[in-house]
Amino acid sequence: MEKSVLKNSLISQINLIDKITRESAGFFSSESLPGHLIHIVESGRVVQKASGINEEISPSTAIWYYENEQISGEIIQPPWTFYTISFTAPNLAPPHPGQRVIPCGNQALEIAQELFLLWKKDNLNPMLRELKIVELFHKLLFLIFSEINPEYQNNTENELWWEIEKTAREDLSQDLNIANICRDFKISRKALNQSCQKATGKTPMKRIKELRLKYARGLIHHSNLNISEIAYSVGYTRVQELSRDYQKYFGKTPSQERKSTPVYK
């Protein structure tokens, strides 16, 4: 089925809408998709850790992931059923890590159900189907953001870093050092560090390295580029440096990663 492309919108593209059920209790590990990924839970109870943060998940909650997060946890009460929506939104900052498990009520669940049914239908007028998906998805986002603590919204420090990160993601092969970022955005080193720490909990260079490695992983899984080409495309001048950092971060070398099959989330 073709992707839903939302031009001139905060949301640039919807990549996937699906419904997933895991029938059995027990442990699991997986990885979220690139870009933004939202799960709307219909049933089940889960405890998990995503990017080092412990979370509890129950029905009628939304979980918001961002950029290939590593996830592990345990299904306490099966079946665990959720609607999953993958979308691209370069200008949309994800919720603060402490606010990404969001109680959203039955209305959000009903919208997710309707979105899933629309996504699977291919016998509707394409324009009407597109418009309805756009309408429902924006309504869902409105409900979710309405439940997020205002402390984490409209934060100018956060917005500064997300603007820097948006620019960085456009070309990760560029020389993204502290001096260049401060020069290009006309900010001090102190302001840069504070903004990144507030938005991500990391230093700027640690966050940039994380972006490079996660994007490299996406290319390893979903492209035909060789490892050298991937290294250069994400800003590494030497393949050995990518391999060293990649193994330290993911526990495998890029070559070992390519031989393995990623688990769908």
C-alpha atoms as a PDB file:
ATOM      1  CA  MET A   1       0.000   0.000   0.000  1.00  0.00           C
ATOM      2  CA  GLU A   2       1.321   3.473  -0.827  1.00  0.00           C
ATOM      3  CA  LYS A   3       2.480   5.756   1.948  1.00  0.00           C
ATOM      4  CA  SER A   4       0.319   8.657   2.973  1.00  0.00           C
ATOM      5  CA  VAL A   5       2.241  11.826   2.145  1.00  0.00           C
ATOM      6  CA  LEU A   6       1.220  14.993   3.973  1.00  0.00           C
ATOM      7  CA  LYS A   7       2.910  17.881   2.179  1.00  0.00           C
ATOM      8  CA  ASN A   8       3.339  21.279   3.842  1.00  0.00           C
ATOM      9  CA  SER A   9       2.290  19.845   7.162  1.00  0.00           C
ATOM     10  CA  LEU A  10       3.917  19.336  10.534  1.00  0.00           C
ATOM     11  CA  ILE A  11       3.647  15.635   9.686  1.00  0.00           C
ATOM     12  CA  SER A  12       5.449  14.988   6.404  1.00  0.00           C
ATOM     13  CA  GLN A  13       4.642  11.316   5.972  1.00  0.00           C
ATOM     14  CA  ILE A  14       2.758   8.414   7.541  1.00  0.00           C
ATOM     15  CA  ASN A  15       4.752   5.263   6.890  1.00  0.00           C
ATOM     16  CA  LEU A  16       2.732   2.517   8.549  1.00  0.00           C
ATOM     17  CA  ILE A  17      -0.406   1.850  10.580  1.00  0.00           C
ATOM     18  CA  ASP A  18      -0.790  -1.652  11.944  1.00  0.00           C
ATOM     19  CA  LYS A  19      -2.289  -3.717  14.742  1.00  0.00           C
ATOM     20  CA  ILE A  20      -0.049  -6.124  16.656  1.00  0.00           C
ATOM     21  CA  THR A  21      -0.915  -8.751  19.270  1.00  0.00           C
ATOM     22  CA  ARG A  22       1.529 -10.684  21.421  1.00  0.00           C
ATOM     23  CA  GLU A  23      -0.334 -13.592  22.937  1.00  0.00           C
ATOM     24  CA  SER A  24       2.119 -14.920  25.525  1.00  0.00           C
ATOM     25  CA  ALA A  25       3.556 -13.555  28.763  1.00  0.00           C
ATOM     26  CA  GLY A  26       7.320 -13.315  29.024  1.00  0.00           C
ATOM     27  CA  PHE A  27      10.349 -11.268  28.125  1.00  0.00           C
ATOM     28  CA  PHE A  28      10.976  -9.510  24.812  1.00  0.00           C
ATOM     29  CA  SER A  29      13.488  -7.203  23.181  1.00  0.00           C
ATOM     30  CA  SER A  30      13.157  -5.142  20.038  1.00  0.00           C
ATOM     31  CA  GLU A  31      13.886  -1.838  18.385  1.00  0.00           C
ATOM     32  CA  SER A  32      11.547   0.965  17.356  1.00  0.00           C
ATOM     33  CA  LEU A  33      11.435   2.177  13.764  1.00  0.00           C
ATOM     34  CA  PRO A  34      13.252   5.263  12.441  1.00  0.00           C
ATOM     35  CA  GLY A  35      11.436   8.560  12.862  1.00  0.00           C
ATOM     36  CA  HIS A  36       8.472   8.803  15.226  1.00  0.00           C
ATOM     37  CA  LEU A  37       6.539   5.736  16.375  1.00  0.00           C
ATOM     38  CA  ILE A  38       3.392   5.767  18.513  1.00  0.00           C
ATOM     39  CA  HIS A  39       1.695   2.742  20.057  1.00  0.00           C
ATOM     40  CA  ILE A  40      -1.878   2.990  21.315  1.00  0.00           C
ATOM     41  CA  VAL A  41      -2.505   0.082  23.698  1.00  0.00           C
ATOM     42  CA  GLU A  42      -5.781  -1.816  23.508  1.00  0.00           C
ATOM     43  CA  SER A  43      -5.094  -4.581  26.037  1.00  0.00           C
ATOM     44  CA  GLY A  44      -2.389  -6.099  28.215  1.00  0.00           C
ATOM     45  CA  ARG A  45       0.090  -4.869  30.805  1.00  0.00           C
ATOM     46  CA  VAL A  46       3.814  -4.506  30.208  1.00  0.00           C
ATOM     47  CA  VAL A  47       6.884  -3.290  32.067  1.00  0.00           C
ATOM     48  CA  GLN A  48       9.779  -2.286  29.862  1.00  0.00           C
ATOM     49  CA  LYS A  49      12.943  -0.242  29.552  1.00  0.00           C
ATOM     50  CA  ALA A  50      13.394   1.995  26.505  1.00  0.00           C
ATOM     51  CA  SER A  51      16.665   3.894  26.076  1.00  0.00           C
ATOM     52  CA  GLY A  52      17.430   3.287  29.750  1.00  0.00           C
ATOM     53  CA  ILE A  53      14.075   4.545  31.092  1.00  0.00           C
ATOM     54  CA  ASN A  54      11.726   2.218  33.004  1.00  0.00           C
ATOM     55  CA  GLU A  55       8.086   2.380  31.878  1.00  0.00           C
ATOM     56  CA  GLU A  56       4.781   0.721  32.738  1.00  0.00           C
ATOM     57  CA  ILE A  57       2.207   0.294  29.980  1.00  0.00           C
ATOM     58  CA  SER A  58      -1.509  -0.396  30.327  1.00  0.00           C
ATOM     59  CA  PRO A  59      -4.647  -0.141  28.159  1.00  0.00           C
ATOM     60  CA  SER A  60      -5.693   3.250  26.734  1.00  0.00           C
ATOM     61  CA  THR A  61      -2.178   4.644  26.947  1.00  0.00           C
ATOM     62  CA  ALA A  62       0.038   5.955  24.167  1.00  0.00           C
ATOM     63  CA  ILE A  63       3.768   5.249  24.014  1.00  0.00           C
ATOM     64  CA  TRP A  64       5.907   7.537  21.889  1.00  0.00           C
ATOM     65  CA  TYR A  65       9.262   6.289  20.561  1.00  0.00           C
ATOM     66  CA  TYR A  66      11.822   8.222  18.556  1.00  0.00           C
ATOM     67  CA  GLU A  67      14.626   7.111  16.228  1.00  0.00           C
ATOM     68  CA  ASN A  68      15.490   3.421  16.639  1.00  0.00           C
ATOM     69  CA  GLU A  69      15.202   3.099  20.401  1.00  0.00           C
ATOM     70  CA  GLN A  70      16.383  -0.113  22.047  1.00  0.00           C
ATOM     71  CA  ILE A  71      13.528  -1.711  24.014  1.00  0.00           C
ATOM     72  CA  SER A  72      13.397  -4.656  26.399  1.00  0.00           C
ATOM     73  CA  GLY A  73      10.716  -5.700  28.857  1.00  0.00           C
ATOM     74  CA  GLU A  74       8.214  -8.237  30.083  1.00  0.00           C
ATOM     75  CA  ILE A  75       4.591  -8.848  29.151  1.00  0.00           C
ATOM     76  CA  ILE A  76       2.909  -9.263  32.537  1.00  0.00           C
ATOM     77  CA  GLN A  77      -0.696  -9.641  31.432  1.00  0.00           C
ATOM     78  CA  PRO A  78      -1.292 -10.947  27.893  1.00  0.00           C
ATOM     79  CA  PRO A  79      -2.579 -10.582  25.318  1.00  0.00           C
ATOM     80  CA  TRP A  80      -0.716  -7.355  24.625  1.00  0.00           C
ATOM     81  CA  THR A  81      -2.486  -5.678  21.702  1.00  0.00           C
ATOM     82  CA  PHE A  82      -1.594  -2.265  20.347  1.00  0.00           C
ATOM     83  CA  TYR A  83      -2.012  -0.101  17.268  1.00  0.00           C
ATOM     84  CA  THR A  84       1.306   1.168  15.922  1.00  0.00           C
ATOM     85  CA  ILE A  85       1.751   4.286  13.784  1.00  0.00           C
ATOM     86  CA  SER A  86       5.095   5.125  12.194  1.00  0.00           C
ATOM     87  CA  PHE A  87       5.461   8.630  10.807  1.00  0.00           C
ATOM     88  CA  THR A  88       8.021  11.193   9.713  1.00  0.00           C
ATOM     89  CA  ALA A  89       7.949  14.681  11.212  1.00  0.00           C
ATOM     90  CA  PRO A  90      11.337  16.454  11.122  1.00  0.00           C
ATOM     91  CA  ASN A  91       9.948  19.600  12.776  1.00  0.00           C
ATOM     92  CA  LEU A  92       8.113  17.818  15.579  1.00  0.00           C
ATOM     93  CA  ALA A  93      10.031  17.276  18.807  1.00  0.00           C
ATOM     94  CA  PRO A  94       9.094  14.065  20.637  1.00  0.00           C
ATOM     95  CA  PRO A  95       7.773  14.294  24.186  1.00  0.00           C
ATOM     96  CA  HIS A  96      10.271  14.590  27.004  1.00  0.00           C
ATOM     97  CA  PRO A  97      11.493  11.078  27.991  1.00  0.00           C
ATOM     98  CA  GLY A  98       9.638  11.356  31.287  1.00  0.00           C
ATOM     99  CA  GLN A  99       6.375  12.108  29.480  1.00  0.00           C
ATOM    100  CA  ARG A 100       6.218   9.628  26.634  1.00  0.00           C
ATOM    101  CA  VAL A 101       3.903   7.074  28.257  1.00  0.00           C
ATOM    102  CA  ILE A 102       0.715   9.097  28.056  1.00  0.00           C
ATOM    103  CA  PRO A 103      -2.783   8.217  29.342  1.00  0.00           C
ATOM    104  CA  CYS A 104      -5.032   9.100  26.423  1.00  0.00           C
ATOM    105  CA  GLY A 105      -8.373   7.415  27.141  1.00  0.00           C
ATOM    106  CA  ASN A 106     -10.857   5.508  25.029  1.00  0.00           C
ATOM    107  CA  GLN A 107     -11.261   8.275  22.451  1.00  0.00           C
ATOM    108  CA  ALA A 108      -7.659   7.896  21.308  1.00  0.00           C
ATOM    109  CA  LEU A 109      -8.104   4.133  21.118  1.00  0.00           C
ATOM    110  CA  GLU A 110     -11.217   4.534  18.969  1.00  0.00           C
ATOM    111  CA  ILE A 111      -9.345   6.878  16.616  1.00  0.00           C
ATOM    112  CA  ALA A 112      -6.457   4.404  16.330  1.00  0.00           C
ATOM    113  CA  GLN A 113      -8.914   1.620  15.495  1.00  0.00           C
ATOM    114  CA  GLU A 114     -10.514   3.742  12.782  1.00  0.00           C
ATOM    115  CA  LEU A 115      -7.116   4.741  11.372  1.00  0.00           C
ATOM    116  CA  PHE A 116      -6.096   1.091  11.146  1.00  0.00           C
ATOM    117  CA  LEU A 117      -9.274   0.145   9.266  1.00  0.00           C
ATOM    118  CA  LEU A 118      -8.835   3.058   6.849  1.00  0.00           C
ATOM    119  CA  TRP A 119      -5.176   2.195   6.235  1.00  0.00           C
ATOM    120  CA  LYS A 120      -6.119  -1.347   5.245  1.00  0.00           C
ATOM    121  CA  LYS A 121      -8.889  -0.288   2.864  1.00  0.00           C
ATOM    122  CA  ASP A 122      -7.862   0.165  -0.742  1.00  0.00           C
ATOM    123  CA  ASN A 123     -11.332   0.359  -2.283  1.00  0.00           C
ATOM    124  CA  LEU A 124     -12.036   3.937  -1.180  1.00  0.00           C
ATOM    125  CA  ASN A 125     -11.569   7.066  -3.227  1.00  0.00           C
ATOM    126  CA  PRO A 126      -7.822   7.776  -2.714  1.00  0.00           C
ATOM    127  CA  MET A 127      -8.307  11.480  -2.060  1.00  0.00           C
ATOM    128  CA  LEU A 128     -11.116  10.947   0.458  1.00  0.00           C
ATOM    129  CA  ARG A 129      -9.145   8.180   2.180  1.00  0.00           C
ATOM    130  CA  GLU A 130      -6.094  10.465   2.391  1.00  0.00           C
ATOM    131  CA  LEU A 131      -8.082  13.368   3.807  1.00  0.00           C
ATOM    132  CA  LYS A 132      -9.752  11.177   6.420  1.00  0.00           C
ATOM    133  CA  ILE A 133      -6.432   9.686   7.544  1.00  0.00           C
ATOM    134  CA  VAL A 134      -4.957  13.182   7.848  1.00  0.00           C
ATOM    135  CA  GLU A 135      -7.963  14.387   9.853  1.00  0.00           C
ATOM    136  CA  LEU A 136      -7.960  11.447  12.258  1.00  0.00           C
ATOM    137  CA  PHE A 137      -4.203  11.397  12.804  1.00  0.00           C
ATOM    138  CA  HIS A 138      -4.060  15.095  13.649  1.00  0.00           C
ATOM    139  CA  LYS A 139      -6.972  14.589  16.017  1.00  0.00           C
ATOM    140  CA  LEU A 140      -5.062  11.748  17.684  1.00  0.00           C
ATOM    141  CA  LEU A 141      -1.939  13.886  18.066  1.00  0.00           C
ATOM    142  CA  PHE A 142      -4.037  16.686  19.539  1.00  0.00           C
ATOM    143  CA  LEU A 143      -5.416  14.319  22.175  1.00  0.00           C
ATOM    144  CA  ILE A 144      -1.966  13.009  23.034  1.00  0.00           C
ATOM    145  CA  PHE A 145      -0.328  16.424  23.298  1.00  0.00           C
ATOM    146  CA  SER A 146      -3.246  17.684  25.386  1.00  0.00           C
ATOM    147  CA  GLU A 147      -2.229  15.161  28.064  1.00  0.00           C
ATOM    148  CA  ILE A 148       1.458  16.148  28.137  1.00  0.00           C
ATOM    149  CA  ASN A 149       2.603  18.304  31.032  1.00  0.00           C
ATOM    150  CA  PRO A 150       2.934  21.916  29.776  1.00  0.00           C
ATOM    151  CA  GLU A 151       6.299  22.055  31.574  1.00  0.00           C
ATOM    152  CA  TYR A 152       7.694  20.055  28.660  1.00  0.00           C
ATOM    153  CA  GLN A 153       5.963  22.067  25.933  1.00  0.00           C
ATOM    154  CA  ASN A 154       6.946  25.435  24.481  1.00  0.00           C
ATOM    155  CA  ASN A 155      10.353  25.192  26.134  1.00  0.00           C
ATOM    156  CA  THR A 156      12.646  27.552  24.240  1.00  0.00           C
ATOM    157  CA  GLU A 157      15.781  25.707  25.380  1.00  0.00           C
ATOM    158  CA  ASN A 158      14.386  22.432  24.087  1.00  0.00           C
ATOM    159  CA  GLU A 159      13.263  24.051  20.832  1.00  0.00           C
ATOM    160  CA  LEU A 160      16.786  25.389  20.227  1.00  0.00           C
ATOM    161  CA  TRP A 161      18.308  21.930  20.417  1.00  0.00           C
ATOM    162  CA  TRP A 162      15.601  20.311  18.276  1.00  0.00           C
ATOM    163  CA  GLU A 163      16.251  22.936  15.595  1.00  0.00           C
ATOM    164  CA  ILE A 164      19.975  22.146  15.749  1.00  0.00           C
ATOM    165  CA  GLU A 165      19.245  18.425  15.593  1.00  0.00           C
ATOM    166  CA  LYS A 166      16.885  18.881  12.632  1.00  0.00           C
ATOM    167  CA  THR A 167      19.691  20.617  10.729  1.00  0.00           C
ATOM    168  CA  ALA A 168      22.193  17.937  11.744  1.00  0.00           C
ATOM    169  CA  ARG A 169      19.945  15.141  10.509  1.00  0.00           C
ATOM    170  CA  GLU A 170      19.775  16.723   7.052  1.00  0.00           C
ATOM    171  CA  ASP A 171      23.428  15.810   6.503  1.00  0.00           C
ATOM    172  CA  LEU A 172      25.166  13.734   9.159  1.00  0.00           C
ATOM    173  CA  SER A 173      28.303  13.578   7.005  1.00  0.00           C
ATOM    174  CA  GLN A 174      29.082  17.217   7.787  1.00  0.00           C
ATOM    175  CA  ASP A 175      31.606  18.278  10.449  1.00  0.00           C
ATOM    176  CA  LEU A 176      29.273  18.659  13.438  1.00  0.00           C
ATOM    177  CA  ASN A 177      31.669  19.883  16.106  1.00  0.00           C
ATOM    178  CA  ILE A 178      30.915  22.286  18.940  1.00  0.00           C
ATOM    179  CA  ALA A 179      32.630  25.274  17.325  1.00  0.00           C
ATOM    180  CA  ASN A 180      30.781  24.870  14.029  1.00  0.00           C
ATOM    181  CA  ILE A 181      27.384  24.445  15.691  1.00  0.00           C
ATOM    182  CA  CYS A 182      27.902  27.503  17.913  1.00  0.00           C
ATOM    183  CA  ARG A 183      29.009  29.560  14.909  1.00  0.00           C
ATOM    184  CA  ASP A 184      26.137  28.470  12.668  1.00  0.00           C
ATOM    185  CA  PHE A 185      23.448  29.050  15.331  1.00  0.00           C
ATOM    186  CA  LYS A 186      25.130  32.081  16.924  1.00  0.00           C
ATOM    187  CA  ILE A 187      25.031  30.660  20.445  1.00  0.00           C
ATOM    188  CA  SER A 188      27.547  30.123  23.221  1.00  0.00           C
ATOM    189  CA  ARG A 189      28.960  26.747  24.212  1.00  0.00           C
ATOM    190  CA  LYS A 190      27.114  27.055  27.512  1.00  0.00           C
ATOM    191  CA  ALA A 191      23.765  27.690  25.806  1.00  0.00           C
ATOM    192  CA  LEU A 192      24.368  24.786  23.421  1.00  0.00           C
ATOM    193  CA  ASN A 193      25.172  22.379  26.227  1.00  0.00           C
ATOM    194  CA  GLN A 194      22.214  23.494  28.364  1.00  0.00           C
ATOM    195  CA  SER A 195      19.791  23.177  25.464  1.00  0.00           C
ATOM    196  CA  CYS A 196      20.942  19.672  24.555  1.00  0.00           C
ATOM    197  CA  GLN A 197      20.960  18.506  28.181  1.00  0.00           C
ATOM    198  CA  LYS A 198      17.430  19.824  28.701  1.00  0.00           C
ATOM    199  CA  ALA A 199      16.084  18.237  25.534  1.00  0.00           C
ATOM    200  CA  THR A 200      17.896  14.886  25.525  1.00  0.00           C
ATOM    201  CA  GLY A 201      19.720  14.439  28.844  1.00  0.00           C
ATOM    202  CA  LYS A 202      23.026  14.160  26.949  1.00  0.00           C
ATOM    203  CA  THR A 203      25.921  16.375  25.920  1.00  0.00           C
ATOM    204  CA  PRO A 204      25.811  17.682  22.339  1.00  0.00           C
ATOM    205  CA  MET A 205      28.628  15.473  21.033  1.00  0.00           C
ATOM    206  CA  LYS A 206      27.239  12.379  22.735  1.00  0.00           C
ATOM    207  CA  ARG A 207      23.831  13.064  21.160  1.00  0.00           C
ATOM    208  CA  ILE A 208      25.377  13.663  17.708  1.00  0.00           C
ATOM    209  CA  LYS A 209      27.290  10.382  17.964  1.00  0.00           C
ATOM    210  CA  GLU A 210      24.058   8.646  18.962  1.00  0.00           C
ATOM    211  CA  LEU A 211      22.297  10.084  15.892  1.00  0.00           C
ATOM    212  CA  ARG A 212      25.101   8.911  13.628  1.00  0.00           C
ATOM    213  CA  LEU A 213      25.132   5.397  15.034  1.00  0.00           C
ATOM    214  CA  LYS A 214      21.350   5.013  14.938  1.00  0.00           C
ATOM    215  CA  TYR A 215      21.173   6.292  11.377  1.00  0.00           C
ATOM    216  CA  ALA A 216      24.003   3.932  10.438  1.00  0.00           C
ATOM    217  CA  ARG A 217      22.009   1.077  11.916  1.00  0.00           C
ATOM    218  CA  GLY A 218      19.004   2.016   9.814  1.00  0.00           C
ATOM    219  CA  LEU A 219      21.181   1.999   6.684  1.00  0.00           C
ATOM    220  CA  ILE A 220      22.666  -1.379   7.641  1.00  0.00           C
ATOM    221  CA  HIS A 221      19.169  -2.837   7.987  1.00  0.00           C
ATOM    222  CA  HIS A 222      17.410  -1.100   5.114  1.00  0.00           C
ATOM    223  CA  SER A 223      19.939  -0.154   2.408  1.00  0.00           C
ATOM    224  CA  ASN A 224      22.348  -1.836   0.012  1.00  0.00           C
ATOM    225  CA  LEU A 225      25.232   0.509   0.848  1.00  0.00           C
ATOM    226  CA  ASN A 226      28.438  -1.202   1.935  1.00  0.00           C
ATOM    227  CA  ILE A 227      29.857  -0.493   5.388  1.00  0.00           C
ATOM    228  CA  SER A 228      32.421   2.011   4.081  1.00  0.00           C
ATOM    229  CA  GLU A 229      29.726   3.998   2.285  1.00  0.00           C
ATOM    230  CA  ILE A 230      27.573   3.958   5.410  1.00  0.00           C
ATOM    231  CA  ALA A 231      30.462   5.176   7.548  1.00  0.00           C
ATOM    232  CA  TYR A 232      31.138   8.164   5.272  1.00  0.00           C
ATOM    233  CA  SER A 233      27.448   9.023   4.939  1.00  0.00           C
ATOM    234  CA  VAL A 234      27.053   9.418   8.721  1.00  0.00           C
ATOM    235  CA  GLY A 235      30.240  11.396   9.307  1.00  0.00           C
ATOM    236  CA  TYR A 236      32.934   8.817  10.001  1.00  0.00           C
ATOM    237  CA  THR A 237      36.156   9.238   8.012  1.00  0.00           C
ATOM    238  CA  ARG A 238      37.402   5.765   8.944  1.00  0.00           C
ATOM    239  CA  VAL A 239      35.386   2.549   8.908  1.00  0.00           C
ATOM    240  CA  GLN A 240      37.351   1.262  11.893  1.00  0.00           C
ATOM    241  CA  GLU A 241      36.077   4.146  14.022  1.00  0.00           C
ATOM    242  CA  LEU A 242      32.480   3.400  13.082  1.00  0.00           C
ATOM    243  CA  SER A 243      32.986  -0.288  13.871  1.00  0.00           C
ATOM    244  CA  ARG A 244      34.510   0.522  17.257  1.00  0.00           C
ATOM    245  CA  ASP A 245      31.759   2.949  18.294  1.00  0.00           C
ATOM    246  CA  TYR A 246      29.024   0.762  16.816  1.00  0.00           C
ATOM    247  CA  GLN A 247      30.122  -2.315  18.730  1.00  0.00           C
ATOM    248  CA  LYS A 248      30.397  -0.332  21.945  1.00  0.00           C
ATOM    249  CA  TYR A 249      26.876   1.080  21.499  1.00  0.00           C
ATOM    250  CA  PHE A 250      25.000  -1.903  20.026  1.00  0.00           C
ATOM    251  CA  GLY A 251      27.145  -4.864  21.109  1.00  0.00           C
ATOM    252  CA  LYS A 252      27.872  -5.936  17.509  1.00  0.00           C
ATOM    253  CA  THR A 253      30.054  -4.751  14.665  1.00  0.00           C
ATOM    254  CA  PRO A 254      28.268  -3.345  11.604  1.00  0.00           C
ATOM    255  CA  SER A 255      29.121  -6.518   9.655  1.00  0.00           C
ATOM    256  CA  GLN A 256      27.658  -8.728  12.382  1.00  0.00           C
ATOM    257  CA  GLU A 257      24.569  -6.499  12.478  1.00  0.00           C
ATOM    258  CA  ARG A 258      24.008  -6.852   8.752  1.00  0.00           C
ATOM    259  CA  LYS A 259      23.999 -10.634   9.040  1.00  0.00           C
ATOM    260  CA  SER A 260      21.304 -10.568  11.707  1.00  0.00           C
ATOM    261  CA  THR A 261      17.606  -9.896  11.180  1.00  0.00           C
ATOM    262  CA  PRO A 262      16.132  -6.970  13.124  1.00  0.00           C
ATOM    263  CA  VAL A 263      13.060  -7.690  15.254  1.00  0.00           C
ATOM    264  CA  TYR A 264       9.946  -5.835  14.092  1.00  0.00           C
ATOM    265  CA  LYS A 265       8.422  -3.492  16.697  1.00  0.00           C
END
